[in-house]
Protein backbone atom coordinates (compact mmCIF):
# COMPACT_ATOMS: atom_id res chain seq x y z
CA MET A 1 -16.04 -27.72 7.63
CA LYS A 2 -16.57 -24.46 9.54
CA ARG A 3 -16.85 -21.81 6.81
CA LEU A 4 -16.91 -18.08 7.44
CA VAL A 5 -17.33 -15.51 4.66
CA THR A 6 -16.70 -11.88 5.56
CA PHE A 7 -18.72 -9.49 3.39
CA THR A 8 -17.60 -5.86 3.46
CA ASN A 9 -16.21 -3.08 1.31
CA LEU A 10 -13.89 -2.28 4.24
CA PHE A 11 -10.97 -4.58 3.52
CA PRO A 12 -7.37 -4.06 2.38
CA ASN A 13 -6.32 -4.75 -1.19
CA ARG A 14 -3.12 -4.51 -3.15
CA VAL A 15 -3.67 -0.87 -4.15
CA GLN A 16 -5.18 0.21 -0.78
CA PRO A 17 -3.21 -1.80 1.78
CA THR A 18 -4.51 0.13 4.80
CA HIS A 19 -8.17 0.32 3.71
CA GLY A 20 -10.35 -1.42 6.31
CA LEU A 21 -7.29 -2.90 7.98
CA PHE A 22 -9.24 -3.07 11.26
CA VAL A 23 -11.64 -5.64 9.78
CA PHE A 24 -8.75 -7.77 8.57
CA GLU A 25 -7.00 -7.62 11.95
CA ARG A 26 -10.17 -8.65 13.78
CA MET A 27 -11.38 -11.42 11.51
CA ARG A 28 -8.03 -13.05 10.78
CA ARG A 29 -7.73 -13.69 14.51
CA VAL A 30 -11.27 -15.04 14.71
CA ALA A 31 -10.63 -17.36 11.76
CA ALA A 32 -7.41 -18.67 13.27
CA ALA A 33 -8.76 -19.13 16.81
CA GLY A 34 -12.04 -20.67 15.65
CA GLY A 35 -10.60 -23.01 13.07
CA PHE A 36 -12.71 -21.46 10.31
CA ALA A 37 -12.12 -21.79 6.60
CA TRP A 38 -12.23 -18.06 5.91
CA ARG A 39 -12.97 -16.23 2.67
CA VAL A 40 -13.67 -12.57 2.00
CA VAL A 41 -16.04 -10.89 -0.45
CA ALA A 42 -15.12 -7.20 -0.70
CA PRO A 43 -17.28 -5.50 -3.37
CA ILE A 44 -15.83 -2.63 -5.40
CA PRO A 45 -17.95 0.25 -6.77
CA GLN A 46 -17.93 0.49 -10.55
CA VAL A 47 -18.21 4.13 -11.60
CA CYS A 48 -18.68 5.37 -15.17
CA TRP A 49 -15.55 6.97 -16.59
CA PRO A 50 -16.52 10.70 -16.37
CA LEU A 51 -16.99 10.28 -12.60
CA CYS A 52 -14.17 7.80 -12.05
CA ARG A 53 -11.73 10.03 -10.20
CA GLY A 54 -9.65 9.86 -7.04
CA THR A 55 -10.42 6.82 -4.91
CA TYR A 56 -12.80 5.40 -7.53
CA ARG A 57 -10.05 5.45 -10.15
CA LEU A 58 -7.70 3.73 -7.73
CA GLN A 59 -10.27 1.07 -6.86
CA ALA A 60 -10.85 0.36 -10.55
CA THR A 61 -7.36 -1.20 -10.64
CA VAL A 62 -8.14 -3.71 -7.88
CA PRO A 63 -8.17 -7.26 -9.33
CA ASP A 64 -11.33 -9.37 -9.32
CA HIS A 65 -9.60 -11.93 -7.13
CA GLU A 66 -6.49 -11.76 -4.98
CA THR A 67 -4.85 -13.38 -1.99
CA TRP A 68 -4.29 -10.85 0.78
CA GLN A 69 -2.03 -11.93 3.66
CA GLY A 70 -3.06 -15.55 3.10
CA VAL A 71 -6.82 -15.08 2.71
CA GLU A 72 -8.62 -15.36 -0.63
CA VAL A 73 -10.53 -12.18 -1.45
CA GLU A 74 -13.15 -11.74 -4.17
CA HIS A 75 -13.84 -8.23 -5.49
CA PRO A 76 -17.14 -8.29 -7.41
CA ARG A 77 -18.13 -5.01 -9.06
CA TYR A 78 -21.40 -3.17 -8.54
CA ARG A 79 -22.77 -0.09 -10.31
CA HIS A 80 -22.48 3.13 -8.32
CA TRP A 81 -23.26 6.77 -9.14
CA PRO A 82 -21.41 8.99 -6.62
CA GLY A 83 -23.74 11.39 -4.89
CA LEU A 84 -26.82 9.96 -6.57
CA SER A 85 -27.28 6.27 -5.80
CA MET A 86 -26.70 6.04 -2.03
CA ARG A 87 -30.25 4.81 -1.36
CA ARG A 88 -29.94 2.13 -4.06
CA GLN A 89 -26.46 1.04 -3.09
CA ALA A 90 -27.39 -2.05 -1.06
CA ARG A 91 -29.40 -3.62 -3.87
CA ALA A 92 -26.70 -2.73 -6.38
CA MET A 93 -24.04 -4.30 -4.18
CA ALA A 94 -26.13 -7.45 -3.74
CA ALA A 95 -26.67 -7.73 -7.50
CA GLY A 96 -22.96 -7.36 -8.19
CA ALA A 97 -21.95 -9.96 -5.59
CA ARG A 98 -24.73 -12.47 -6.29
CA SER A 99 -22.79 -14.85 -8.55
CA VAL A 100 -19.82 -14.98 -6.17
CA LEU A 101 -22.04 -15.75 -3.17
CA GLN A 102 -23.99 -18.36 -5.13
CA ARG A 103 -20.75 -20.14 -5.93
CA LEU A 104 -19.52 -20.03 -2.34
CA ALA A 105 -22.88 -21.17 -0.96
CA ALA A 106 -22.90 -24.13 -3.35
CA GLU A 107 -19.70 -25.40 -1.72
CA GLY A 108 -21.41 -26.03 1.63
CA PRO A 109 -22.74 -24.39 4.80
CA LEU A 110 -21.31 -21.02 5.75
CA VAL A 111 -21.98 -17.93 7.86
CA LEU A 112 -22.06 -14.54 6.16
CA ASP A 113 -20.22 -12.04 8.38
CA ALA A 114 -21.09 -8.48 7.28
CA HIS A 115 -19.25 -5.39 8.49
CA TYR A 116 -20.80 -1.90 8.13
CA LEU A 117 -24.58 -1.79 8.18
CA TRP A 118 -25.14 0.17 4.97
CA PRO A 119 -24.83 -0.80 2.24
CA ASP A 120 -22.83 -3.89 3.15
CA GLY A 121 -25.02 -5.31 5.91
CA VAL A 122 -28.28 -4.89 4.02
CA ALA A 123 -26.72 -6.27 0.82
CA ALA A 124 -25.57 -9.31 2.80
CA ALA A 125 -29.07 -9.70 4.27
CA LEU A 126 -30.64 -9.65 0.80
CA LEU A 127 -28.26 -12.32 -0.46
CA ALA A 128 -28.62 -14.40 2.71
CA GLU A 129 -32.39 -14.43 2.33
CA GLU A 130 -32.14 -15.43 -1.31
CA LEU A 131 -29.59 -18.19 -0.69
CA GLY A 132 -30.83 -19.44 2.67
CA LEU A 133 -27.72 -18.40 4.59
CA PRO A 134 -27.31 -17.25 8.20
CA PHE A 135 -25.77 -13.80 8.52
CA ALA A 136 -24.43 -11.47 11.20
CA TRP A 137 -23.93 -7.70 11.24
CA THR A 138 -21.22 -5.62 12.87
CA ALA A 139 -21.77 -1.86 13.11
CA ARG A 140 -18.63 0.24 12.97
CA GLY A 141 -19.58 3.89 13.53
CA SER A 142 -20.76 6.24 10.81
CA ASP A 143 -22.98 3.50 9.35
CA ALA A 144 -25.25 3.84 12.40
CA ASN A 145 -24.35 7.37 13.50
CA VAL A 146 -24.68 9.10 10.12
CA LEU A 147 -26.07 6.98 7.29
CA ALA A 148 -28.93 5.64 9.39
CA ASP A 149 -30.36 9.15 9.67
CA ASP A 150 -31.61 8.70 6.10
CA PRO A 151 -35.20 7.38 6.30
CA VAL A 152 -34.74 4.90 3.45
CA VAL A 153 -31.58 3.46 5.03
CA ARG A 154 -33.20 3.29 8.45
CA ALA A 155 -36.27 1.51 7.05
CA ALA A 156 -34.03 -1.09 5.40
CA LEU A 157 -32.10 -1.64 8.63
CA ARG A 158 -35.34 -2.13 10.57
CA ARG A 159 -36.63 -4.56 7.97
CA HIS A 160 -33.57 -6.81 7.92
CA ALA A 161 -32.06 -6.57 11.44
CA PRO A 162 -34.51 -9.04 13.06
CA ARG A 163 -33.34 -11.80 10.69
CA ALA A 164 -29.66 -11.48 11.65
CA THR A 165 -28.33 -14.26 13.83
CA PHE A 166 -26.68 -11.51 15.81
CA VAL A 167 -26.06 -7.79 15.50
CA ALA A 168 -22.89 -6.45 17.08
CA ALA A 169 -21.43 -3.00 17.73
CA VAL A 170 -17.89 -2.09 18.71
CA SER A 171 -18.85 0.01 21.76
CA ALA A 172 -21.74 0.33 24.22
CA ALA A 173 -22.51 3.84 22.96
CA LEU A 174 -22.73 2.55 19.40
CA ALA A 175 -24.85 -0.41 20.53
CA ASP A 176 -27.34 2.07 22.01
CA ARG A 177 -27.51 3.83 18.66
CA VAL A 178 -27.83 0.58 16.72
CA ALA A 179 -30.77 -0.46 18.88
CA GLU A 180 -32.40 2.89 18.18
CA VAL A 181 -32.01 2.78 14.40
CA THR A 182 -32.82 -0.92 13.93
CA GLY A 183 -35.65 -1.14 16.43
CA LEU A 184 -34.01 -4.10 18.15
CA PRO A 185 -34.19 -4.38 21.95
CA ARG A 186 -30.94 -3.05 23.39
CA GLU A 187 -30.13 -6.38 25.02
CA GLN A 188 -30.11 -8.01 21.59
CA VAL A 189 -27.26 -5.81 20.33
CA LEU A 190 -23.99 -7.45 21.26
CA VAL A 191 -21.01 -5.30 22.26
CA VAL A 192 -17.81 -6.74 20.81
CA ARG A 193 -15.02 -4.23 21.18
CA ASN A 194 -11.97 -4.12 18.97
CA GLY A 195 -8.64 -5.27 20.33
CA VAL A 196 -5.17 -3.85 20.04
CA ASP A 197 -1.99 -5.62 18.95
CA LEU A 198 0.04 -5.33 22.15
CA GLU A 199 3.19 -6.51 20.39
CA ARG A 200 3.11 -4.06 17.49
CA PHE A 201 2.06 -1.08 19.62
CA ALA A 202 4.40 -0.70 22.54
CA THR A 203 6.60 1.84 24.27
CA GLY A 204 9.90 2.60 22.59
CA ASP A 205 12.74 5.07 22.26
CA ARG A 206 11.32 8.47 21.29
CA ALA A 207 14.49 9.82 19.73
CA ALA A 208 15.05 6.66 17.69
CA ALA A 209 11.43 6.71 16.47
CA ARG A 210 11.73 10.33 15.39
CA THR A 211 14.94 9.65 13.56
CA ALA A 212 13.37 6.69 11.76
CA LEU A 213 10.49 8.92 10.60
CA GLY A 214 12.81 11.75 9.54
CA LEU A 215 11.63 14.10 12.31
CA PRO A 216 13.71 16.45 14.49
CA VAL A 217 14.63 14.89 17.82
CA THR A 218 13.79 18.10 19.70
CA GLY A 219 10.39 19.73 20.10
CA ARG A 220 7.00 18.38 21.13
CA TYR A 221 4.40 16.72 18.93
CA LEU A 222 0.65 16.41 19.13
CA LEU A 223 -0.17 13.39 16.96
CA GLY A 224 -3.31 12.87 14.89
CA VAL A 225 -3.91 9.57 13.10
CA GLY A 226 -6.77 9.13 10.65
CA ARG A 227 -8.47 10.43 7.53
CA LEU A 228 -8.01 14.17 7.08
CA VAL A 229 -11.72 14.94 6.98
CA ALA A 230 -13.76 17.55 8.83
CA GLY A 231 -15.42 15.07 11.18
CA LYS A 232 -12.09 14.08 12.75
CA GLY A 233 -11.69 17.58 14.18
CA PHE A 234 -8.03 17.97 13.33
CA GLY A 235 -8.79 21.56 12.35
CA VAL A 236 -9.53 22.25 16.03
CA ALA A 237 -6.11 20.86 16.96
CA ALA A 238 -4.41 22.92 14.24
CA ALA A 239 -6.12 26.11 15.42
CA ALA A 240 -5.11 25.37 19.03
CA LEU A 241 -1.42 25.54 18.11
CA ALA A 242 -1.57 29.35 18.22
CA GLN A 243 -2.29 29.08 21.96
CA LEU A 244 0.56 26.66 22.66
CA PRO A 245 4.32 27.19 23.03
CA PRO A 246 6.19 27.56 19.71
CA ASP A 247 7.99 24.22 20.07
CA VAL A 248 4.68 22.31 19.88
CA GLN A 249 3.69 21.04 16.44
CA LEU A 250 0.87 18.90 15.06
CA LEU A 251 1.98 15.71 13.33
CA LEU A 252 -0.65 14.06 11.13
CA VAL A 253 -0.61 10.50 9.79
CA GLY A 254 -3.16 9.97 7.05
CA ASP A 255 -4.50 11.80 4.03
CA GLY A 256 -7.71 13.36 2.86
CA PRO A 257 -9.47 16.42 1.45
CA GLU A 258 -8.78 18.65 4.47
CA ARG A 259 -5.00 18.62 4.09
CA ALA A 260 -4.64 22.11 2.61
CA ALA A 261 -7.08 23.62 5.09
CA LEU A 262 -5.22 22.03 8.00
CA ALA A 263 -1.89 23.36 6.76
CA ALA A 264 -3.35 26.87 6.58
CA ALA A 265 -5.00 26.64 10.01
CA GLY A 266 -1.77 25.49 11.64
CA GLY A 267 0.28 28.47 10.51
CA GLY A 268 3.25 26.42 9.39
CA ARG A 269 3.26 24.20 12.49
CA VAL A 270 1.59 21.13 10.95
CA GLN A 271 3.67 18.28 9.55
CA PHE A 272 2.11 15.64 7.29
CA LEU A 273 3.42 12.09 7.18
CA GLY A 274 0.75 10.87 4.75
CA THR A 275 -0.52 7.31 4.73
CA ARG A 276 1.86 4.98 6.53
CA SER A 277 2.21 1.27 7.19
CA PRO A 278 1.11 -0.11 10.58
CA ALA A 279 4.77 -0.43 11.59
CA GLU A 280 5.37 3.24 10.79
CA VAL A 281 2.21 4.26 12.63
CA ALA A 282 3.58 2.44 15.68
CA LEU A 283 6.75 4.54 15.38
CA ALA A 284 4.65 7.72 15.20
CA TYR A 285 3.04 6.90 18.55
CA GLN A 286 6.48 6.41 20.06
CA ALA A 287 7.71 9.68 18.55
CA ALA A 288 4.82 11.82 19.82
CA ASP A 289 4.03 13.43 23.15
CA LEU A 290 0.24 13.29 23.02
CA LEU A 291 -2.47 11.80 20.77
CA VAL A 292 -5.21 14.24 19.73
CA LEU A 293 -8.58 13.03 18.45
CA PRO A 294 -11.10 15.91 18.57
CA SER A 295 -13.73 13.95 16.60
CA GLU A 296 -17.36 14.89 16.15
CA ARG A 297 -18.35 11.21 16.29
CA GLU A 298 -16.67 7.82 16.68
CA GLY A 299 -17.43 4.13 17.13
CA TRP A 300 -14.50 2.47 18.90
CA PRO A 301 -11.47 4.36 17.58
CA ASN A 302 -8.55 1.96 17.38
CA VAL A 303 -6.10 4.85 17.42
CA VAL A 304 -6.96 5.46 21.08
CA THR A 305 -6.09 1.94 22.23
CA GLU A 306 -3.03 1.90 19.97
CA ALA A 307 -1.79 5.13 21.53
CA LEU A 308 -2.41 3.88 25.06
CA ALA A 309 -0.59 0.63 24.29
CA SER A 310 2.33 2.79 23.12
CA GLY A 311 2.30 4.63 26.46
CA LEU A 312 0.83 7.78 24.91
CA ARG A 313 -1.91 9.77 26.65
CA VAL A 314 -5.00 10.80 24.71
CA LEU A 315 -6.64 14.21 24.28
CA ALA A 316 -10.04 13.64 22.72
CA THR A 317 -13.73 14.45 22.75
CA PRO A 318 -16.30 12.47 24.80
CA VAL A 319 -17.97 10.84 21.79
CA GLY A 320 -18.73 7.22 20.90
CA GLY A 321 -16.60 4.67 22.70
CA ILE A 322 -13.82 7.06 23.74
CA PRO A 323 -15.05 7.51 27.34
CA GLU A 324 -15.45 3.72 27.59
CA ILE A 325 -11.87 3.16 26.48
CA LEU A 326 -10.56 5.70 28.99
CA ASP A 327 -12.72 4.11 31.71
CA HIS A 328 -15.00 7.18 32.02
CA PRO A 329 -12.43 9.45 33.68
CA VAL A 330 -13.67 11.85 36.33
CA PRO A 331 -12.76 15.55 35.85
CA GLY A 332 -9.23 16.20 36.98
CA ASP A 333 -8.03 12.63 36.53
CA GLU A 334 -5.63 13.01 33.62
CA ARG A 335 -3.43 9.96 34.05
CA LEU A 336 -4.63 8.67 30.69
CA GLY A 337 -5.35 12.03 29.07
CA ALA A 338 -8.30 14.39 28.94
CA LEU A 339 -11.68 14.88 27.27
CA VAL A 340 -12.78 18.27 25.92
CA PRO A 341 -15.98 19.46 24.23
CA VAL A 342 -16.37 19.02 20.47
CA GLY A 343 -15.12 22.05 18.53
CA ASP A 344 -13.69 23.88 21.57
CA VAL A 345 -10.29 25.24 20.51
CA ALA A 346 -9.55 26.99 23.80
CA ALA A 347 -10.39 23.91 25.89
CA LEU A 348 -8.23 21.68 23.72
CA ALA A 349 -5.31 24.12 23.93
CA ALA A 350 -5.60 24.40 27.72
CA ALA A 351 -5.77 20.63 28.17
CA ALA A 352 -2.83 20.08 25.81
CA ARG A 353 -0.78 22.58 27.77
CA ARG A 354 -1.56 20.84 31.07
CA LEU A 355 -0.74 17.40 29.75
CA LEU A 356 2.48 18.47 28.04
CA GLU A 357 3.68 20.21 31.20
CA ALA A 358 2.90 17.24 33.46
CA PRO A 359 4.15 14.12 31.69
CA VAL A 360 3.55 10.67 33.16
CA GLU A 361 5.41 7.40 32.97
CA ARG A 362 4.57 5.74 29.67
CA ALA A 363 4.82 2.35 31.32
CA ALA A 364 1.82 3.19 33.52
CA VAL A 365 -0.29 4.14 30.50
CA ARG A 366 0.82 0.98 28.71
CA ALA A 367 -0.15 -1.13 31.73
CA PHE A 368 -3.70 0.22 31.57
CA ALA A 369 -3.93 -0.62 27.85
CA SER A 370 -3.09 -4.28 28.43
CA ARG A 371 -6.80 -4.90 29.19
CA TYR A 372 -7.58 -4.28 25.50
CA GLY A 373 -5.84 -7.28 23.97
CA TRP A 374 -7.63 -9.41 21.39
CA GLN A 375 -8.35 -12.56 23.42
CA ALA A 376 -11.78 -11.64 24.88
CA PRO A 377 -13.48 -10.27 21.72
CA VAL A 378 -12.08 -13.08 19.57
CA GLN A 379 -13.35 -15.74 21.96
CA LEU A 380 -16.80 -14.13 22.07
CA LEU A 381 -17.07 -14.07 18.27
CA CYS A 382 -15.80 -17.64 17.91
CA GLU A 383 -18.48 -18.86 20.31
CA ARG A 384 -21.19 -17.01 18.37
CA PHE A 385 -20.10 -18.36 15.00
CA TRP A 386 -19.65 -21.90 16.36
CA ARG A 387 -23.20 -21.75 17.70
CA ILE A 388 -24.58 -20.67 14.33
CA LEU A 389 -22.78 -23.54 12.60
CA GLY A 390 -23.85 -26.05 15.24
CA VAL A 391 -20.29 -26.73 16.35
CA ALA A 392 -19.40 -27.47 19.99
CA ALA A 393 -16.93 -25.02 21.53
């Protein structure tokens, strides 16, 4: 039996149905295409009651075991002290998940597929060493770009990376960074991009999409999709509204601690849709005129390929995999959108004005996005996992 166990805290559950949805979308396709018996171990932080607020309180209600969209998911608990135990988190996660992994390993050979390098990847490496299991890492973005700046985290990554059967990153830019922080030769870091669901994300009727979302049919929308945190740069987009015509508004899908600040920065021209289902996010792309993603850092942002598949051009910063997705556009070539410097309100406003005043056929943008379907990355991962398990392709 070909057994694959995904190990990550980034996975949906019944109380957080959009949490880590990108891992689910990727690995469910790999499991189906590769004929793997697939299980998921998604550890949950256990926080003492005085600190158990917000997301931690929500996560405390997640069951120990559940079936999510047909896959069995285990949620072992591990002790966590917010703001204090980051450097000890990998060992704590491994300790909490040990009994679950021991049980799964006793059932026969498997590959441990870890997503997010810290703490998940290192925790998986510790358990794999203890149980004699092969394991693989996939870097996602801030795990390598931010957390790996900590010397303790970086030392752990360098210690365990050479034992991984493979280490993957979702973009070439992130692979460069992973090689730097792990000490692996660059050629040993595999680039496995994410894919986009070309059926879910497609062009559609703008007026109908706006009506379905309860939005006015008239006016123009800049759309932001993601966590409302400082690093996403939505504050830059909100500030740019003052330099744009009065019919232009910023529409945000997602939630987070920056919501009040964004409302204030936008001067009454920011609308919040909150957290939405994937189907509703697809409608938001159809309803909008332009996607904005002025991030400070990224891995391979799925929102960019989703927007392109919906025929929507992208106004973003040249960070992470964004230039790769847009095929490294030369200055002046704005058929797919535009790239502006991080934090530059004036540049974002000027680019938004140009793009809004010179619309393009959405079908042409959609045609470009067709290259980002799931077939190629899924096939690459299947071949890697088959090789580890000694199975012929």
